[in-house]
Amino acid sequence: MLDFLLTSDAIMALLTLTFLEIILGIDNIVFISIAANKLPESQRSKATNIGLLLAMVQRIILLFFVSFLISLKDPFYTIETEWLYVGVSWQALILFSGGLFLIYKSTSEIREKVEEPTHDEDSVKQKKIKSFSQAITQILIIDFIFSIDSILTAVGMTNGLHENHNYNLLLMIIAVVISIAIMIGFANPIRKFIDTHPSIQMLGLAFLILIGFMLVTEAAHLSETELFGKSVGAIPKGYLYFAIAFSLFVEFLNYRITRKQK
């Protein structure tokens, strides 16, 4: 177990996934804060911390469930025609539908942030909260909505790293725990940094499109899909790591140039 966690692939996956979990969690922090701010000031900090801890618990539970489905590799249905062959398994279904969801969710989020940046915040503000329990209930709902893309991102970054799914599951849980701990400890500084550098969050959403596309191709590869006699190959995760690192490096250069100009 320790040998796997110390491999370069596992370390790269953990660092990248932790970064993406934090970026994806920014909106979660904002909406939790909006819900908590409707409470008396003495209860706001408590509600925010409980909300983030509940987000961690929800994500870990969902990780166990999704990891179980991904472990079901045997095809239960076969599609075979003159030009198409697919061995449909639960693993392939989860990865394929998860990839499509990430592509749809990230493109929708990018469109909303460009055209209607305060749409989701306004809808949360309109909901009335009269008690601490109502605030926690609303936070639970918010956490669940944001947990879906977080879980699918974790699956996309770790699937196939090790033959034993328990090892991949442990890596995902570590990334979730670290990201939530960082958000609890540095929620306000992280939020202020993202507010002054919105392109970082836009980059995170763009990375989700890459991860979604990778999940779709991986699902096709694992289901032994053949299209017109040609098999579909999986995209090596090294390409994804390079794209993310290169994009962040360019963003860092832009940040330095902007700072010097100011």
Protein backbone atom coordinates (compact mmCIF):
# COMPACT_ATOMS: atom_id res chain seq x y z
CA MET A 1 0.00 0.00 0.00
CA LEU A 2 2.71 2.49 1.02
CA ASP A 3 4.80 1.54 -2.03
CA PHE A 4 1.88 2.50 -4.28
CA LEU A 5 1.27 5.85 -2.53
CA LEU A 6 4.94 6.77 -3.00
CA THR A 7 5.00 6.07 -6.75
CA SER A 8 5.31 9.07 -9.09
CA ASP A 9 1.90 8.34 -10.68
CA ALA A 10 0.15 8.25 -7.30
CA ILE A 11 1.87 11.43 -6.07
CA MET A 12 1.03 13.31 -9.31
CA ALA A 13 -2.58 12.10 -9.15
CA LEU A 14 -2.85 13.11 -5.48
CA LEU A 15 -1.43 16.62 -6.03
CA THR A 16 -3.51 17.26 -9.16
CA LEU A 17 -6.67 15.86 -7.62
CA THR A 18 -6.24 17.85 -4.39
CA PHE A 19 -5.79 21.04 -6.44
CA LEU A 20 -8.89 20.32 -8.53
CA GLU A 21 -10.94 19.40 -5.43
CA ILE A 22 -10.05 22.78 -3.88
CA ILE A 23 -10.89 24.69 -7.09
CA LEU A 24 -14.19 22.78 -7.43
CA GLY A 25 -14.91 23.44 -3.75
CA ILE A 26 -14.75 27.23 -4.07
CA ASP A 27 -18.36 27.50 -5.25
CA ASN A 28 -19.33 25.06 -2.51
CA ILE A 29 -17.70 27.36 0.09
CA VAL A 30 -19.47 30.41 -1.37
CA PHE A 31 -22.92 28.78 -1.26
CA ILE A 32 -22.35 27.35 2.22
CA SER A 33 -21.32 30.84 3.39
CA ILE A 34 -24.47 32.36 1.87
CA ALA A 35 -26.63 29.83 3.70
CA ALA A 36 -24.67 30.27 6.96
CA ASN A 37 -24.84 34.07 6.78
CA LYS A 38 -28.62 33.91 7.20
CA LEU A 39 -28.04 32.64 10.77
CA PRO A 40 -27.07 34.75 13.81
CA GLU A 41 -23.39 35.70 13.70
CA SER A 42 -22.53 33.38 16.63
CA GLN A 43 -23.68 30.33 14.60
CA ARG A 44 -22.19 31.16 11.17
CA SER A 45 -18.69 29.78 11.69
CA LYS A 46 -20.08 26.60 13.25
CA ALA A 47 -22.51 26.07 10.35
CA THR A 48 -19.75 26.62 7.76
CA ASN A 49 -17.39 24.12 9.40
CA ILE A 50 -20.15 21.54 9.86
CA GLY A 51 -21.13 22.04 6.22
CA LEU A 52 -17.60 21.34 4.98
CA LEU A 53 -17.26 18.28 7.25
CA LEU A 54 -20.59 16.96 5.94
CA ALA A 55 -19.30 17.54 2.40
CA MET A 56 -16.28 15.36 3.23
CA VAL A 57 -18.44 12.58 4.71
CA GLN A 58 -20.83 12.65 1.74
CA ARG A 59 -17.98 12.44 -0.76
CA ILE A 60 -16.32 9.53 1.03
CA ILE A 61 -19.62 7.60 1.12
CA LEU A 62 -20.19 8.30 -2.59
CA LEU A 63 -16.60 7.24 -3.34
CA PHE A 64 -17.24 3.82 -1.76
CA PHE A 65 -20.44 3.41 -3.80
CA VAL A 66 -18.93 4.52 -7.12
CA SER A 67 -15.76 2.46 -6.54
CA PHE A 68 -17.91 -0.62 -5.97
CA LEU A 69 -19.70 -0.09 -9.30
CA ILE A 70 -16.39 0.50 -11.10
CA SER A 71 -15.07 -2.82 -9.76
CA LEU A 72 -17.84 -4.61 -11.74
CA LYS A 73 -15.86 -5.14 -14.94
CA ASP A 74 -17.66 -8.13 -16.47
CA PRO A 75 -19.99 -7.20 -19.39
CA PHE A 76 -23.69 -7.83 -18.77
CA TYR A 77 -24.75 -6.90 -22.31
CA THR A 78 -23.03 -6.97 -25.69
CA ILE A 79 -23.76 -4.73 -28.67
CA GLU A 80 -22.50 -6.29 -31.87
CA THR A 81 -23.22 -5.02 -35.39
CA GLU A 82 -21.30 -4.90 -38.66
CA TRP A 83 -19.54 -1.67 -37.66
CA LEU A 84 -19.75 -1.57 -33.84
CA TYR A 85 -18.84 -3.87 -30.95
CA VAL A 86 -19.29 -2.87 -27.28
CA GLY A 87 -19.15 -5.06 -24.17
CA VAL A 88 -21.33 -3.06 -21.74
CA SER A 89 -20.33 -3.33 -18.06
CA TRP A 90 -21.19 -1.29 -14.97
CA GLN A 91 -17.63 0.02 -14.98
CA ALA A 92 -17.95 1.29 -18.57
CA LEU A 93 -21.42 2.75 -17.90
CA ILE A 94 -20.25 4.72 -14.86
CA LEU A 95 -17.17 6.06 -16.63
CA PHE A 96 -19.05 6.91 -19.85
CA SER A 97 -22.02 8.61 -18.17
CA GLY A 98 -19.66 10.34 -15.70
CA GLY A 99 -17.54 11.68 -18.55
CA LEU A 100 -20.58 13.06 -20.37
CA PHE A 101 -21.83 14.61 -17.13
CA LEU A 102 -18.50 16.34 -16.49
CA ILE A 103 -18.37 17.72 -20.03
CA TYR A 104 -21.97 18.99 -19.76
CA LYS A 105 -21.55 20.38 -16.21
CA SER A 106 -18.27 22.17 -16.89
CA THR A 107 -19.43 23.74 -20.17
CA SER A 108 -22.68 24.84 -18.47
CA GLU A 109 -20.71 26.32 -15.55
CA ILE A 110 -18.40 28.20 -17.93
CA ARG A 111 -21.41 29.62 -19.82
CA GLU A 112 -23.12 30.67 -16.57
CA LYS A 113 -19.99 32.33 -15.20
CA VAL A 114 -19.60 34.30 -18.43
CA GLU A 115 -23.26 35.24 -19.00
CA GLU A 116 -24.93 34.98 -15.54
CA PRO A 117 -22.18 35.04 -12.88
CA THR A 118 -24.55 35.57 -9.92
CA HIS A 119 -27.42 33.29 -11.02
CA ASP A 120 -26.75 30.42 -8.57
CA GLU A 121 -25.85 32.75 -5.71
CA ASP A 122 -29.11 34.69 -6.18
CA SER A 123 -31.17 31.47 -6.11
CA VAL A 124 -29.53 30.41 -2.81
CA LYS A 125 -30.03 33.88 -1.31
CA GLN A 126 -33.76 33.76 -2.12
CA LYS A 127 -34.30 30.64 0.02
CA LYS A 128 -35.45 31.46 3.54
CA ILE A 129 -33.68 29.97 6.57
CA LYS A 130 -35.15 30.40 10.04
CA SER A 131 -33.20 27.88 12.13
CA PHE A 132 -29.81 26.17 12.43
CA SER A 133 -31.28 22.83 11.36
CA GLN A 134 -32.76 24.40 8.20
CA ALA A 135 -29.36 25.86 7.35
CA ILE A 136 -27.67 22.47 7.79
CA THR A 137 -30.35 20.82 5.62
CA GLN A 138 -29.80 23.35 2.83
CA ILE A 139 -26.03 22.94 3.16
CA LEU A 140 -26.44 19.15 2.86
CA ILE A 141 -28.33 19.60 -0.42
CA ILE A 142 -25.67 22.01 -1.71
CA ASP A 143 -22.93 19.54 -0.69
CA PHE A 144 -24.62 16.68 -2.55
CA ILE A 145 -24.93 18.69 -5.76
CA PHE A 146 -21.27 19.68 -5.66
CA SER A 147 -20.14 16.21 -4.61
CA ILE A 148 -21.12 14.63 -7.93
CA ASP A 149 -18.57 16.40 -10.15
CA SER A 150 -15.99 16.12 -7.35
CA ILE A 151 -16.42 12.31 -7.20
CA LEU A 152 -16.34 11.90 -10.98
CA THR A 153 -13.17 14.00 -11.16
CA ALA A 154 -11.57 11.78 -8.50
CA VAL A 155 -12.53 8.65 -10.43
CA GLY A 156 -11.15 10.09 -13.66
CA MET A 157 -7.82 10.98 -12.07
CA THR A 158 -7.25 7.64 -10.29
CA ASN A 159 -8.97 4.96 -12.36
CA GLY A 160 -6.44 2.46 -13.68
CA LEU A 161 -3.54 3.65 -11.50
CA HIS A 162 -3.56 0.32 -9.67
CA GLU A 163 -5.23 -3.02 -10.35
CA ASN A 164 -6.57 -3.09 -6.78
CA HIS A 165 -9.51 -0.66 -6.60
CA ASN A 166 -9.01 -0.30 -2.83
CA TYR A 167 -5.67 1.42 -3.46
CA ASN A 168 -7.30 3.89 -5.86
CA LEU A 169 -10.12 4.43 -3.37
CA LEU A 170 -7.63 5.22 -0.59
CA LEU A 171 -5.91 7.77 -2.85
CA MET A 172 -9.25 9.47 -3.59
CA ILE A 173 -10.19 9.58 0.11
CA ILE A 174 -6.80 11.11 1.03
CA ALA A 175 -7.26 13.82 -1.63
CA VAL A 176 -10.79 14.63 -0.41
CA VAL A 177 -9.72 14.80 3.26
CA ILE A 178 -6.70 17.03 2.45
CA SER A 179 -8.76 19.38 0.26
CA ILE A 180 -11.55 19.73 2.85
CA ALA A 181 -8.97 20.32 5.63
CA ILE A 182 -7.33 23.06 3.53
CA MET A 183 -10.72 24.63 2.79
CA ILE A 184 -11.68 24.62 6.49
CA GLY A 185 -8.37 26.20 7.47
CA PHE A 186 -7.99 28.64 4.59
CA ALA A 187 -11.52 29.13 3.21
CA ASN A 188 -11.45 32.94 3.20
CA PRO A 189 -7.91 33.40 1.75
CA ILE A 190 -8.64 30.83 -0.99
CA ARG A 191 -11.95 32.52 -1.84
CA LYS A 192 -10.31 35.97 -2.00
CA PHE A 193 -7.52 34.62 -4.22
CA ILE A 194 -10.04 33.06 -6.64
CA ASP A 195 -12.11 36.27 -6.63
CA THR A 196 -9.05 38.28 -7.70
CA HIS A 197 -7.91 35.55 -10.14
CA PRO A 198 -11.14 34.17 -11.69
CA SER A 199 -9.17 32.60 -14.53
CA ILE A 200 -7.94 29.92 -12.07
CA GLN A 201 -11.48 28.66 -11.56
CA MET A 202 -12.12 28.86 -15.30
CA LEU A 203 -9.00 26.75 -15.82
CA GLY A 204 -10.33 24.21 -13.32
CA LEU A 205 -13.59 23.93 -15.25
CA ALA A 206 -11.65 23.57 -18.51
CA PHE A 207 -9.66 20.73 -16.92
CA LEU A 208 -12.98 19.00 -16.15
CA ILE A 209 -13.76 18.94 -19.89
CA LEU A 210 -10.44 17.15 -20.46
CA ILE A 211 -11.14 14.70 -17.63
CA GLY A 212 -14.67 14.09 -18.96
CA PHE A 213 -13.35 13.33 -22.44
CA MET A 214 -10.73 11.04 -20.91
CA LEU A 215 -13.44 9.15 -18.99
CA VAL A 216 -15.46 8.64 -22.17
CA THR A 217 -12.47 7.22 -24.07
CA GLU A 218 -11.47 5.08 -21.07
CA ALA A 219 -15.01 3.66 -20.91
CA ALA A 220 -14.82 2.78 -24.61
CA HIS A 221 -11.38 1.20 -24.12
CA LEU A 222 -12.39 -0.88 -21.08
CA SER A 223 -15.56 -2.11 -22.83
CA GLU A 224 -13.33 -3.27 -25.74
CA THR A 225 -15.23 -1.02 -28.14
CA GLU A 226 -14.47 -1.53 -31.81
CA LEU A 227 -15.67 1.02 -34.39
CA PHE A 228 -15.43 -0.13 -38.02
CA GLY A 229 -12.93 -2.77 -36.88
CA LYS A 230 -10.72 -0.26 -35.05
CA SER A 231 -10.38 -0.56 -31.26
CA VAL A 232 -10.56 2.55 -29.07
CA GLY A 233 -7.46 3.26 -26.98
CA ALA A 234 -7.27 4.98 -23.59
CA ILE A 235 -5.62 8.39 -23.23
CA PRO A 236 -2.49 8.15 -21.01
CA LYS A 237 -2.92 10.21 -17.83
CA GLY A 238 0.53 11.72 -18.36
CA TYR A 239 -0.95 13.85 -21.17
CA LEU A 240 -3.53 15.20 -18.72
CA TYR A 241 -0.92 15.98 -16.07
CA PHE A 242 1.21 17.79 -18.67
CA ALA A 243 -1.77 19.84 -19.94
CA ILE A 244 -2.71 20.90 -16.40
CA ALA A 245 0.88 21.72 -15.40
CA PHE A 246 1.51 23.66 -18.62
CA SER A 247 -1.73 25.65 -18.27
CA LEU A 248 -0.92 26.53 -14.66
CA PHE A 249 2.59 27.59 -15.66
CA VAL A 250 1.17 29.93 -18.32
CA GLU A 251 -1.31 31.29 -15.75
CA PHE A 252 1.58 31.86 -13.32
CA LEU A 253 3.48 33.82 -16.01
CA ASN A 254 0.37 35.95 -16.69
CA TYR A 255 0.06 36.60 -12.97
CA ARG A 256 3.69 37.74 -12.72
CA ILE A 257 3.34 40.02 -15.78
CA THR A 258 0.12 41.57 -14.43
CA ARG A 259 1.73 42.14 -11.06
CA LYS A 260 4.75 43.86 -12.55
CA GLN A 261 2.52 46.10 -14.71
CA LYS A 262 0.59 47.18 -11.61
